[in-house]
Amino acid sequence: MAVIGVGIDVCDLARFEESLERTPRLRERLFTPAEAAKPIASLAARFAAKEALAKALGAPQGMEWHDAEVISESSGQPRFELRGTVLAQATKLGVATVHLSLSHDAGIASAMVVLED
C-alpha cells in the first residue's frame, strides 16, 4: 500500500460553538442529521475530520459537506462514509483505505486523515 494523501486539521471548540450559535443553519449545512445530534466537541472533531479529508483529497471542486459523514463504529473508532463528489474524487485517486483519527482536549478538536491505495 502507498500513501495517496494526508490531511490534518484543528478546530477551536469555543469559536466553533460561537459560529454554530451565530448561524443556526450552519449545523445542518455541515452535518448529516445523525452527526448534528452529537455534542459540540464531537461536532468540532467531525468538522476537523471533513477539513482534513478535503486536504488529503486535494480539495475537490464541488465538495458537499454531507458527502463525507463521520460514523462511529461500535468500538468507538471513527470512519468515513463517502458519497457524491467526495467518493468520486477518492475513486479517481485510487483510494482503497481511509484512515481517520479524532481527538479533543484543552478546548481544541483535531483530526488526521491518511489515504492509501
Protein backbone atom coordinates (compact mmCIF):
# COMPACT_ATOMS: atom_id res chain seq x y z
CA MET A 1 0.00 0.00 0.00
CA ALA A 2 1.14 3.51 -0.79
CA VAL A 3 0.03 6.76 0.78
CA ILE A 4 -2.04 8.84 -1.63
CA GLY A 5 -2.80 11.79 0.63
CA VAL A 6 -2.55 13.11 4.18
CA GLY A 7 -4.63 15.83 5.82
CA ILE A 8 -4.75 17.31 9.30
CA ASP A 9 -6.95 20.00 10.81
CA VAL A 10 -7.71 21.55 14.20
CA CYS A 11 -10.81 23.36 15.43
CA ASP A 12 -11.16 25.66 18.44
CA LEU A 13 -14.22 24.44 20.35
CA ALA A 14 -15.30 27.84 21.71
CA ARG A 15 -15.02 29.58 18.33
CA PHE A 16 -16.79 26.72 16.58
CA GLU A 17 -19.65 26.76 19.11
CA GLU A 18 -19.98 30.55 18.67
CA SER A 19 -20.19 30.08 14.89
CA LEU A 20 -22.95 27.49 15.27
CA GLU A 21 -24.89 29.76 17.65
CA ARG A 22 -24.44 32.82 15.42
CA THR A 23 -25.50 30.93 12.26
CA PRO A 24 -28.07 28.26 13.22
CA ARG A 25 -28.31 26.83 9.66
CA LEU A 26 -24.58 26.12 9.68
CA ARG A 27 -25.13 22.91 11.66
CA GLU A 28 -27.44 21.46 9.01
CA ARG A 29 -25.13 22.58 6.16
CA LEU A 30 -22.07 20.92 7.68
CA PHE A 31 -23.51 17.78 9.23
CA THR A 32 -25.89 14.94 8.46
CA PRO A 33 -28.81 14.60 10.91
CA ALA A 34 -27.01 11.77 12.75
CA GLU A 35 -23.86 13.88 13.12
CA ALA A 36 -25.76 17.04 14.11
CA ALA A 37 -27.15 15.32 17.22
CA LYS A 38 -23.64 14.98 18.71
CA PRO A 39 -22.22 17.25 21.46
CA ILE A 40 -20.09 20.25 20.47
CA ALA A 41 -16.70 18.53 20.99
CA SER A 42 -17.76 15.71 18.68
CA LEU A 43 -19.10 18.17 16.11
CA ALA A 44 -15.85 20.14 16.13
CA ALA A 45 -13.84 16.93 15.69
CA ARG A 46 -16.10 15.88 12.81
CA PHE A 47 -15.70 19.28 11.16
CA ALA A 48 -11.91 18.98 11.52
CA ALA A 49 -12.16 15.48 10.01
CA LYS A 50 -14.04 16.76 6.96
CA GLU A 51 -11.48 19.55 6.51
CA ALA A 52 -8.60 17.07 6.85
CA LEU A 53 -10.24 14.76 4.31
CA ALA A 54 -10.67 17.64 1.85
CA LYS A 55 -6.96 18.44 2.20
CA ALA A 56 -5.96 14.80 1.72
CA LEU A 57 -8.11 14.59 -1.43
CA GLY A 58 -6.72 17.83 -2.87
CA ALA A 59 -9.80 19.95 -2.09
CA PRO A 60 -12.16 18.51 -4.74
CA GLN A 61 -14.32 21.02 -6.63
CA GLY A 62 -17.96 20.99 -5.62
CA MET A 63 -17.37 19.10 -2.38
CA GLU A 64 -20.52 18.90 -0.29
CA TRP A 65 -20.08 18.54 3.48
CA HIS A 66 -22.73 15.81 3.61
CA ASP A 67 -20.70 13.75 1.12
CA ALA A 68 -18.30 12.85 3.95
CA GLU A 69 -20.13 11.55 7.02
CA VAL A 70 -18.18 10.54 10.12
CA ILE A 71 -19.63 7.41 11.70
CA SER A 72 -18.54 5.84 14.98
CA GLU A 73 -18.17 2.07 14.98
CA SER A 74 -19.48 0.12 18.00
CA SER A 75 -15.85 0.05 19.20
CA GLY A 76 -15.84 3.87 19.13
CA GLN A 77 -13.44 4.02 16.20
CA PRO A 78 -14.46 6.72 13.70
CA ARG A 79 -14.72 6.08 9.97
CA PHE A 80 -15.95 7.96 6.93
CA GLU A 81 -18.97 7.11 4.82
CA LEU A 82 -18.16 8.70 1.44
CA ARG A 83 -20.73 9.76 -1.15
CA GLY A 84 -21.10 12.04 -4.16
CA THR A 85 -18.19 14.30 -5.11
CA VAL A 86 -16.02 13.03 -2.26
CA LEU A 87 -16.45 9.40 -3.29
CA ALA A 88 -15.84 10.33 -6.94
CA GLN A 89 -12.54 12.07 -6.07
CA ALA A 90 -11.42 9.19 -3.83
CA THR A 91 -12.18 6.72 -6.62
CA LYS A 92 -10.36 8.89 -9.18
CA LEU A 93 -7.26 8.93 -6.95
CA GLY A 94 -7.42 5.17 -6.38
CA VAL A 95 -8.14 5.37 -2.65
CA ALA A 96 -8.81 1.93 -1.15
CA THR A 97 -8.44 2.76 2.55
CA VAL A 98 -9.23 5.91 4.54
CA HIS A 99 -7.66 6.10 8.00
CA LEU A 100 -9.22 8.62 10.40
CA SER A 101 -8.14 9.68 13.88
CA LEU A 102 -10.05 12.20 16.02
CA SER A 103 -9.17 13.84 19.32
CA HIS A 104 -10.33 16.70 21.50
CA ASP A 105 -8.65 18.14 24.59
CA ALA A 106 -7.99 21.52 26.18
CA GLY A 107 -10.57 23.27 24.01
CA ILE A 108 -9.21 22.01 20.69
CA ALA A 109 -10.53 19.27 18.41
CA SER A 110 -8.19 17.69 15.89
CA ALA A 111 -8.37 15.17 13.08
CA MET A 112 -5.89 13.37 10.87
CA VAL A 113 -6.68 11.52 7.65
CA VAL A 114 -4.39 9.19 5.70
CA LEU A 115 -5.46 7.86 2.30
CA GLU A 116 -3.93 4.65 0.93
CA ASP A 117 -4.28 2.79 -2.34
